[in-house]
Amino acid sequence: MYRDVVQWSKIRHRILVQGRSIRRVASEKGIDPKTIRKMLDHALPQPRMAGRANRYPKLGPHTASIRRLLRENATLPPEARLSIKDIYERVRDEEGFRGGYSTVSDYVRPAARDEDCIWEQPYDLQISLEKKRKTCRTTNEGLTHSAPPCARRKDIGVK
């Protein structure tokens, strides 16, 4: 449902004061007539309903340890950081978590995102890729190969 108070008021004014039909206003604004009827029922947009109280019921007892792992993870160098899979396996093996990987993944992704450091992770990734490229360079008969190991494996038929 729309939450824009100005648009809400204008639509109510057109129908209630100017006498235009719901169908006409709906077609002009591109809004469903059911939505316009809701606008007529309430003077102002209604607040959003609160979400579920416990979004991660199985994960609940383990969220504190996951947050701790994420805090510790932020201080580690990029090559030593835990992946979401590593965090899932630790919680599963050490704490007996019985939920699925996607539950941990859905919880960790927004929690791990830090708005202040939006460029930090891509920068760290670029630096680590450059380091890997330097270590992958080998000289073979005067030719320098700078392809990553996975590309070279395809060339020799290894999967």
N, C-alpha and C. Protein backbone atom coordinates (compact mmCIF):
# COMPACT_ATOMS: atom_id res chain seq x y z
N MET A 1 0.84 -1.18 0.00
CA MET A 1 0.00 0.00 0.00
C MET A 1 0.88 1.23 0.00
N TYR A 2 0.45 2.26 -0.63
CA TYR A 2 1.25 3.48 -0.74
C TYR A 2 1.41 4.14 0.61
N ARG A 3 2.57 4.76 0.82
CA ARG A 3 2.88 5.43 2.09
C ARG A 3 3.12 6.93 1.91
N ASP A 4 3.07 7.43 0.68
CA ASP A 4 3.33 8.84 0.41
C ASP A 4 2.13 9.68 0.86
N VAL A 5 2.32 10.48 1.90
CA VAL A 5 1.22 11.24 2.51
C VAL A 5 0.68 12.29 1.53
N VAL A 6 1.55 12.93 0.77
CA VAL A 6 1.10 13.97 -0.17
C VAL A 6 0.22 13.35 -1.25
N GLN A 7 0.67 12.28 -1.86
CA GLN A 7 -0.12 11.62 -2.90
C GLN A 7 -1.42 11.08 -2.31
N TRP A 8 -1.34 10.54 -1.13
CA TRP A 8 -2.52 10.02 -0.42
C TRP A 8 -3.56 11.12 -0.29
N SER A 9 -3.12 12.30 0.18
CA SER A 9 -4.03 13.43 0.40
C SER A 9 -4.62 13.93 -0.91
N LYS A 10 -3.81 14.01 -1.96
CA LYS A 10 -4.30 14.48 -3.26
C LYS A 10 -5.36 13.55 -3.84
N ILE A 11 -5.13 12.24 -3.72
CA ILE A 11 -6.10 11.28 -4.23
C ILE A 11 -7.40 11.37 -3.44
N ARG A 12 -7.31 11.47 -2.13
CA ARG A 12 -8.52 11.63 -1.31
C ARG A 12 -9.27 12.91 -1.68
N HIS A 13 -8.52 14.00 -1.93
CA HIS A 13 -9.13 15.28 -2.30
C HIS A 13 -9.86 15.17 -3.63
N ARG A 14 -9.23 14.53 -4.63
CA ARG A 14 -9.86 14.39 -5.94
C ARG A 14 -11.18 13.63 -5.86
N ILE A 15 -11.23 12.61 -5.04
CA ILE A 15 -12.44 11.79 -4.98
C ILE A 15 -13.48 12.40 -4.04
N LEU A 16 -13.06 12.78 -2.85
CA LEU A 16 -14.01 13.23 -1.83
C LEU A 16 -14.47 14.68 -2.05
N VAL A 17 -13.58 15.55 -2.51
CA VAL A 17 -13.94 16.97 -2.67
C VAL A 17 -14.35 17.28 -4.11
N GLN A 18 -13.52 16.86 -5.06
CA GLN A 18 -13.81 17.18 -6.46
C GLN A 18 -14.85 16.25 -7.08
N GLY A 19 -15.12 15.12 -6.46
CA GLY A 19 -16.16 14.21 -6.92
C GLY A 19 -15.79 13.31 -8.08
N ARG A 20 -14.51 13.09 -8.33
CA ARG A 20 -14.09 12.19 -9.40
C ARG A 20 -14.32 10.74 -8.98
N SER A 21 -14.45 9.86 -9.94
CA SER A 21 -14.71 8.46 -9.63
C SER A 21 -13.41 7.74 -9.26
N ILE A 22 -13.56 6.69 -8.51
CA ILE A 22 -12.41 5.87 -8.11
C ILE A 22 -11.74 5.29 -9.35
N ARG A 23 -12.55 4.81 -10.27
CA ARG A 23 -12.01 4.20 -11.49
C ARG A 23 -11.18 5.20 -12.29
N ARG A 24 -11.67 6.44 -12.40
CA ARG A 24 -10.97 7.46 -13.17
C ARG A 24 -9.62 7.81 -12.53
N VAL A 25 -9.64 8.02 -11.21
CA VAL A 25 -8.40 8.35 -10.51
C VAL A 25 -7.42 7.18 -10.59
N ALA A 26 -7.95 5.97 -10.49
CA ALA A 26 -7.10 4.78 -10.57
C ALA A 26 -6.40 4.71 -11.92
N SER A 27 -7.13 4.97 -12.99
CA SER A 27 -6.52 4.90 -14.32
C SER A 27 -5.55 6.06 -14.55
N GLU A 28 -5.84 7.24 -14.00
CA GLU A 28 -4.94 8.39 -14.14
C GLU A 28 -3.61 8.16 -13.41
N LYS A 29 -3.70 7.62 -12.22
CA LYS A 29 -2.51 7.45 -11.38
C LYS A 29 -1.82 6.10 -11.55
N GLY A 30 -2.51 5.15 -12.18
CA GLY A 30 -1.92 3.83 -12.34
C GLY A 30 -1.91 3.04 -11.05
N ILE A 31 -2.90 3.30 -10.22
CA ILE A 31 -3.02 2.61 -8.93
C ILE A 31 -4.27 1.74 -8.96
N ASP A 32 -4.19 0.58 -8.36
CA ASP A 32 -5.33 -0.33 -8.32
C ASP A 32 -6.49 0.31 -7.56
N PRO A 33 -7.72 0.14 -8.03
CA PRO A 33 -8.87 0.70 -7.33
C PRO A 33 -9.02 0.21 -5.88
N LYS A 34 -8.57 -1.02 -5.62
CA LYS A 34 -8.63 -1.53 -4.24
C LYS A 34 -7.74 -0.70 -3.32
N THR A 35 -6.58 -0.30 -3.84
CA THR A 35 -5.67 0.54 -3.06
C THR A 35 -6.30 1.90 -2.80
N ILE A 36 -6.97 2.45 -3.80
CA ILE A 36 -7.62 3.75 -3.63
C ILE A 36 -8.75 3.64 -2.60
N ARG A 37 -9.46 2.55 -2.59
CA ARG A 37 -10.51 2.36 -1.58
C ARG A 37 -9.90 2.34 -0.17
N LYS A 38 -8.73 1.72 -0.05
CA LYS A 38 -8.04 1.73 1.25
C LYS A 38 -7.64 3.15 1.63
N MET A 39 -7.23 3.93 0.63
CA MET A 39 -6.88 5.33 0.89
C MET A 39 -8.09 6.12 1.38
N LEU A 40 -9.25 5.78 0.86
CA LEU A 40 -10.47 6.48 1.28
C LEU A 40 -10.91 6.07 2.68
N ASP A 41 -10.55 4.86 3.09
CA ASP A 41 -10.92 4.37 4.42
C ASP A 41 -10.13 5.04 5.54
N HIS A 42 -8.91 5.49 5.23
CA HIS A 42 -8.03 6.05 6.25
C HIS A 42 -7.54 7.44 5.83
N ALA A 43 -7.53 8.38 6.76
CA ALA A 43 -7.11 9.75 6.45
C ALA A 43 -5.61 9.82 6.12
N LEU A 44 -4.81 8.98 6.77
CA LEU A 44 -3.36 8.94 6.55
C LEU A 44 -2.93 7.50 6.31
N PRO A 45 -1.79 7.32 5.65
CA PRO A 45 -1.29 5.95 5.45
C PRO A 45 -1.08 5.24 6.79
N GLN A 46 -1.41 3.98 6.81
CA GLN A 46 -1.26 3.19 8.02
C GLN A 46 0.19 2.76 8.19
N PRO A 47 0.67 2.70 9.44
CA PRO A 47 2.05 2.25 9.64
C PRO A 47 2.21 0.79 9.24
N ARG A 48 3.42 0.46 8.86
CA ARG A 48 3.69 -0.93 8.47
C ARG A 48 3.50 -1.84 9.67
N MET A 49 3.04 -3.04 9.37
CA MET A 49 2.89 -4.02 10.43
C MET A 49 4.26 -4.55 10.82
N ALA A 50 4.44 -4.81 12.07
CA ALA A 50 5.73 -5.34 12.55
C ALA A 50 5.96 -6.73 11.97
N GLY A 51 7.22 -7.05 11.72
CA GLY A 51 7.57 -8.37 11.19
C GLY A 51 7.40 -9.45 12.25
N ARG A 52 7.75 -10.63 11.88
CA ARG A 52 7.65 -11.73 12.81
C ARG A 52 8.57 -11.50 14.00
N ALA A 53 8.15 -11.92 15.16
CA ALA A 53 8.92 -11.69 16.38
C ALA A 53 10.27 -12.41 16.32
N ASN A 54 10.27 -13.67 15.93
CA ASN A 54 11.51 -14.44 15.87
C ASN A 54 11.70 -14.92 14.45
N ARG A 55 12.51 -14.21 13.69
CA ARG A 55 12.68 -14.53 12.29
C ARG A 55 13.51 -15.80 12.07
N TYR A 56 14.40 -16.10 12.99
CA TYR A 56 15.27 -17.26 12.87
C TYR A 56 15.10 -18.13 14.11
N PRO A 57 14.02 -18.91 14.18
CA PRO A 57 13.77 -19.67 15.41
C PRO A 57 14.86 -20.71 15.74
N LYS A 58 15.37 -21.42 14.75
CA LYS A 58 16.40 -22.42 15.02
C LYS A 58 17.75 -21.77 15.29
N LEU A 59 17.99 -20.64 14.67
CA LEU A 59 19.27 -19.96 14.78
C LEU A 59 19.37 -19.11 16.04
N GLY A 60 18.23 -18.77 16.63
CA GLY A 60 18.17 -17.87 17.77
C GLY A 60 19.24 -18.07 18.83
N PRO A 61 19.42 -19.28 19.36
CA PRO A 61 20.43 -19.49 20.40
C PRO A 61 21.86 -19.30 19.91
N HIS A 62 22.07 -19.27 18.61
CA HIS A 62 23.42 -19.22 18.06
C HIS A 62 23.79 -17.84 17.49
N THR A 63 22.85 -16.90 17.50
CA THR A 63 23.13 -15.60 16.88
C THR A 63 24.26 -14.85 17.59
N ALA A 64 24.35 -14.98 18.90
CA ALA A 64 25.42 -14.28 19.62
C ALA A 64 26.80 -14.78 19.18
N SER A 65 26.95 -16.08 19.02
CA SER A 65 28.24 -16.61 18.60
C SER A 65 28.54 -16.25 17.14
N ILE A 66 27.50 -16.18 16.30
CA ILE A 66 27.71 -15.79 14.91
C ILE A 66 28.15 -14.33 14.85
N ARG A 67 27.52 -13.49 15.64
CA ARG A 67 27.92 -12.07 15.69
C ARG A 67 29.37 -11.95 16.17
N ARG A 68 29.74 -12.75 17.16
CA ARG A 68 31.12 -12.73 17.66
C ARG A 68 32.08 -13.14 16.56
N LEU A 69 31.74 -14.20 15.81
CA LEU A 69 32.59 -14.64 14.71
C LEU A 69 32.72 -13.55 13.65
N LEU A 70 31.64 -12.84 13.38
CA LEU A 70 31.68 -11.77 12.38
C LEU A 70 32.56 -10.61 12.86
N ARG A 71 32.48 -10.28 14.15
CA ARG A 71 33.34 -9.22 14.70
C ARG A 71 34.80 -9.62 14.60
N GLU A 72 35.11 -10.87 14.97
CA GLU A 72 36.49 -11.36 14.88
C GLU A 72 36.94 -11.41 13.42
N ASN A 73 36.03 -11.79 12.55
CA ASN A 73 36.32 -11.91 11.12
C ASN A 73 36.73 -10.56 10.52
N ALA A 74 36.13 -9.49 11.00
CA ALA A 74 36.41 -8.16 10.46
C ALA A 74 37.84 -7.72 10.75
N THR A 75 38.44 -8.26 11.81
CA THR A 75 39.80 -7.86 12.18
C THR A 75 40.87 -8.70 11.48
N LEU A 76 40.47 -9.80 10.86
CA LEU A 76 41.43 -10.69 10.21
C LEU A 76 41.81 -10.17 8.83
N PRO A 77 43.00 -10.53 8.34
CA PRO A 77 43.34 -10.18 6.95
C PRO A 77 42.42 -10.94 5.99
N PRO A 78 42.21 -10.43 4.79
CA PRO A 78 41.25 -11.03 3.86
C PRO A 78 41.45 -12.51 3.59
N GLU A 79 42.70 -12.94 3.49
CA GLU A 79 42.92 -14.36 3.17
C GLU A 79 42.64 -15.28 4.35
N ALA A 80 42.54 -14.74 5.55
CA ALA A 80 42.28 -15.57 6.73
C ALA A 80 40.82 -15.50 7.19
N ARG A 81 40.00 -14.70 6.52
CA ARG A 81 38.61 -14.53 6.94
C ARG A 81 37.79 -15.79 6.69
N LEU A 82 36.80 -15.98 7.54
CA LEU A 82 35.89 -17.11 7.41
C LEU A 82 34.84 -16.80 6.36
N SER A 83 34.50 -17.80 5.57
CA SER A 83 33.41 -17.65 4.62
C SER A 83 32.11 -17.99 5.36
N ILE A 84 30.99 -17.75 4.70
CA ILE A 84 29.71 -18.08 5.32
C ILE A 84 29.64 -19.59 5.56
N LYS A 85 30.20 -20.36 4.64
CA LYS A 85 30.22 -21.82 4.81
C LYS A 85 31.02 -22.20 6.05
N ASP A 86 32.15 -21.55 6.26
CA ASP A 86 32.97 -21.83 7.44
C ASP A 86 32.21 -21.50 8.72
N ILE A 87 31.51 -20.36 8.71
CA ILE A 87 30.73 -19.97 9.89
C ILE A 87 29.63 -20.99 10.14
N TYR A 88 28.95 -21.42 9.07
CA TYR A 88 27.89 -22.43 9.20
C TYR A 88 28.44 -23.72 9.80
N GLU A 89 29.58 -24.18 9.27
CA GLU A 89 30.16 -25.43 9.75
C GLU A 89 30.60 -25.33 11.21
N ARG A 90 31.13 -24.18 11.61
CA ARG A 90 31.52 -24.01 13.02
C ARG A 90 30.33 -24.07 13.94
N VAL A 91 29.27 -23.35 13.57
CA VAL A 91 28.07 -23.33 14.43
C VAL A 91 27.44 -24.71 14.47
N ARG A 92 27.44 -25.40 13.34
CA ARG A 92 26.86 -26.73 13.28
C ARG A 92 27.67 -27.73 14.10
N ASP A 93 28.99 -27.72 13.92
CA ASP A 93 29.84 -28.72 14.57
C ASP A 93 30.10 -28.42 16.04
N GLU A 94 30.37 -27.15 16.37
CA GLU A 94 30.75 -26.81 17.74
C GLU A 94 29.56 -26.56 18.66
N GLU A 95 28.44 -26.09 18.09
CA GLU A 95 27.32 -25.71 18.94
C GLU A 95 26.07 -26.56 18.70
N GLY A 96 26.13 -27.45 17.73
CA GLY A 96 25.01 -28.35 17.49
C GLY A 96 23.84 -27.72 16.76
N PHE A 97 24.08 -26.71 15.95
CA PHE A 97 23.01 -26.09 15.17
C PHE A 97 22.44 -27.11 14.20
N ARG A 98 21.11 -27.22 14.16
CA ARG A 98 20.48 -28.24 13.33
C ARG A 98 19.76 -27.67 12.12
N GLY A 99 19.88 -26.39 11.88
CA GLY A 99 19.23 -25.77 10.73
C GLY A 99 20.08 -25.89 9.48
N GLY A 100 19.61 -25.27 8.42
CA GLY A 100 20.29 -25.36 7.14
C GLY A 100 21.27 -24.23 6.89
N TYR A 101 22.08 -24.43 5.85
CA TYR A 101 23.06 -23.43 5.45
C TYR A 101 22.39 -22.12 5.08
N SER A 102 21.26 -22.19 4.36
CA SER A 102 20.59 -20.97 3.90
C SER A 102 20.12 -20.11 5.07
N THR A 103 19.77 -20.72 6.19
CA THR A 103 19.37 -19.94 7.36
C THR A 103 20.54 -19.10 7.86
N VAL A 104 21.70 -19.71 7.96
CA VAL A 104 22.89 -18.98 8.40
C VAL A 104 23.27 -17.93 7.35
N SER A 105 23.21 -18.30 6.09
CA SER A 105 23.55 -17.38 5.01
C SER A 105 22.63 -16.16 5.00
N ASP A 106 21.33 -16.38 5.14
CA ASP A 106 20.37 -15.27 5.15
C ASP A 106 20.60 -14.36 6.34
N TYR A 107 21.05 -14.92 7.45
CA TYR A 107 21.31 -14.12 8.64
C TYR A 107 22.62 -13.36 8.54
N VAL A 108 23.65 -14.01 8.00
CA VAL A 108 25.00 -13.44 7.98
C VAL A 108 25.15 -12.34 6.93
N ARG A 109 24.58 -12.52 5.76
CA ARG A 109 24.79 -11.54 4.69
C ARG A 109 24.44 -10.11 5.10
N PRO A 110 23.24 -9.84 5.61
CA PRO A 110 22.97 -8.45 6.02
C PRO A 110 23.78 -8.04 7.25
N ALA A 111 24.05 -8.97 8.15
CA ALA A 111 24.79 -8.63 9.37
C ALA A 111 26.24 -8.30 9.06
N ALA A 112 26.81 -8.94 8.05
CA ALA A 112 28.21 -8.73 7.71
C ALA A 112 28.42 -7.45 6.90
N ARG A 113 27.37 -6.95 6.29
CA ARG A 113 27.48 -5.76 5.45
C ARG A 113 27.72 -4.53 6.30
N ASP A 114 28.73 -3.80 5.99
CA ASP A 114 29.04 -2.58 6.73
C ASP A 114 28.99 -1.42 5.75
N GLU A 115 28.03 -0.52 5.92
CA GLU A 115 27.83 0.56 4.97
C GLU A 115 29.02 1.51 4.89
N ASP A 116 29.76 1.67 5.99
CA ASP A 116 30.90 2.58 5.98
C ASP A 116 32.08 2.04 5.18
N CYS A 117 32.15 0.74 5.00
CA CYS A 117 33.30 0.12 4.34
C CYS A 117 32.89 -0.52 3.02
N ILE A 118 32.11 0.20 2.23
CA ILE A 118 31.56 -0.39 1.01
C ILE A 118 32.64 -0.79 0.02
N TRP A 119 33.76 -0.06 -0.02
CA TRP A 119 34.82 -0.37 -0.97
C TRP A 119 35.91 -1.24 -0.38
N GLU A 120 35.86 -1.50 0.90
CA GLU A 120 36.93 -2.25 1.55
C GLU A 120 37.02 -3.68 1.04
N GLN A 121 35.91 -4.36 0.96
CA GLN A 121 35.92 -5.75 0.54
C GLN A 121 36.37 -5.91 -0.92
N PRO A 122 35.83 -5.11 -1.89
CA PRO A 122 36.34 -5.25 -3.26
C PRO A 122 37.83 -4.92 -3.36
N TYR A 123 38.29 -3.94 -2.58
CA TYR A 123 39.72 -3.59 -2.60
C TYR A 123 40.55 -4.77 -2.10
N ASP A 124 40.12 -5.36 -0.97
CA ASP A 124 40.84 -6.51 -0.42
C ASP A 124 40.85 -7.67 -1.41
N LEU A 125 39.73 -7.86 -2.09
CA LEU A 125 39.64 -8.93 -3.09
C LEU A 125 40.60 -8.67 -4.24
N GLN A 126 40.65 -7.43 -4.70
CA GLN A 126 41.55 -7.09 -5.79
C GLN A 126 43.01 -7.32 -5.38
N ILE A 127 43.37 -6.92 -4.17
CA ILE A 127 44.74 -7.10 -3.69
C ILE A 127 45.08 -8.59 -3.61
N SER A 128 44.14 -9.40 -3.08
CA SER A 128 44.42 -10.82 -2.96
C SER A 128 44.51 -11.48 -4.33
N LEU A 129 43.71 -11.01 -5.31
CA LEU A 129 43.81 -11.56 -6.67
C LEU A 129 45.15 -11.20 -7.31
N GLU A 130 45.60 -9.98 -7.07
CA GLU A 130 46.90 -9.58 -7.61
C GLU A 130 48.02 -10.43 -7.02
N LYS A 131 47.92 -10.73 -5.71
CA LYS A 131 48.93 -11.58 -5.09
C LYS A 131 48.91 -12.98 -5.69
N LYS A 132 47.69 -13.51 -5.94
CA LYS A 132 47.58 -14.84 -6.53
C LYS A 132 48.15 -14.85 -7.94
N ARG A 133 47.88 -13.79 -8.69
CA ARG A 133 48.42 -13.73 -10.05
C ARG A 133 49.94 -13.72 -10.04
N LYS A 134 50.53 -13.01 -9.09
CA LYS A 134 51.98 -12.96 -9.01
C LYS A 134 52.56 -14.35 -8.71
N THR A 135 51.87 -15.10 -7.84
CA THR A 135 52.37 -16.43 -7.50
C THR A 135 52.09 -17.43 -8.61
N CYS A 136 51.08 -17.15 -9.47
CA CYS A 136 50.75 -18.07 -10.55
C CYS A 136 51.67 -17.93 -11.75
N ARG A 137 52.36 -16.81 -11.84
CA ARG A 137 53.19 -16.57 -13.01
C ARG A 137 54.37 -17.53 -13.01
N THR A 138 54.44 -18.30 -14.02
CA THR A 138 55.56 -19.23 -14.17
C THR A 138 56.16 -19.04 -15.54
N THR A 139 57.43 -19.27 -15.61
CA THR A 139 58.10 -19.13 -16.89
C THR A 139 58.29 -20.52 -17.48
N ASN A 140 57.77 -20.68 -18.69
CA ASN A 140 57.88 -21.97 -19.36
C ASN A 140 58.33 -21.70 -20.79
N GLU A 141 59.54 -22.04 -21.09
CA GLU A 141 60.12 -21.85 -22.42
C GLU A 141 60.05 -20.39 -22.86
N GLY A 142 60.36 -19.49 -21.95
CA GLY A 142 60.40 -18.08 -22.29
C GLY A 142 59.04 -17.40 -22.31
N LEU A 143 57.96 -18.14 -22.08
CA LEU A 143 56.62 -17.54 -22.06
C LEU A 143 56.17 -17.33 -20.62
N THR A 144 55.52 -16.24 -20.37
CA THR A 144 55.00 -15.97 -19.03
C THR A 144 53.51 -16.25 -19.04
N HIS A 145 53.07 -17.14 -18.16
CA HIS A 145 51.64 -17.45 -18.05
C HIS A 145 51.10 -16.72 -16.83
N SER A 146 50.12 -15.86 -17.06
CA SER A 146 49.53 -15.14 -15.93
C SER A 146 48.11 -15.59 -15.66
N ALA A 147 47.71 -16.70 -16.26
CA ALA A 147 46.35 -17.19 -16.04
C ALA A 147 46.24 -17.79 -14.65
N PRO A 148 45.08 -17.66 -14.01
CA PRO A 148 44.90 -18.27 -12.70
C PRO A 148 44.96 -19.79 -12.80
N PRO A 149 45.20 -20.48 -11.67
CA PRO A 149 45.37 -21.93 -11.69
C PRO A 149 44.18 -22.66 -12.30
N CYS A 150 42.94 -22.18 -12.07
CA CYS A 150 41.77 -22.87 -12.60
C CYS A 150 41.77 -22.85 -14.13
N ALA A 151 42.26 -21.76 -14.74
CA ALA A 151 42.32 -21.68 -16.19
C ALA A 151 43.35 -22.65 -16.74
N ARG A 152 44.50 -22.78 -16.04
CA ARG A 152 45.54 -23.69 -16.49
C ARG A 152 45.07 -25.14 -16.35
N ARG A 153 44.28 -25.43 -15.32
CA ARG A 153 43.80 -26.80 -15.12
C ARG A 153 42.93 -27.22 -16.29
N LYS A 154 42.12 -26.29 -16.81
CA LYS A 154 41.26 -26.62 -17.95
C LYS A 154 42.11 -27.00 -19.15
N ASP A 155 43.24 -26.29 -19.30
CA ASP A 155 44.10 -26.54 -20.46
C ASP A 155 44.66 -27.96 -20.45
N ILE A 156 44.91 -28.51 -19.26
CA ILE A 156 45.52 -29.85 -19.22
C ILE A 156 44.48 -30.92 -18.93
N GLY A 157 43.19 -30.54 -18.84
CA GLY A 157 42.13 -31.52 -18.68
C GLY A 157 41.81 -31.93 -17.27
N VAL A 158 42.31 -31.20 -16.27
CA VAL A 158 42.02 -31.51 -14.87
C VAL A 158 40.83 -30.69 -14.45
N LYS A 159 39.90 -31.32 -13.75
CA LYS A 159 38.72 -30.59 -13.26
C LYS A 159 38.84 -30.28 -11.82
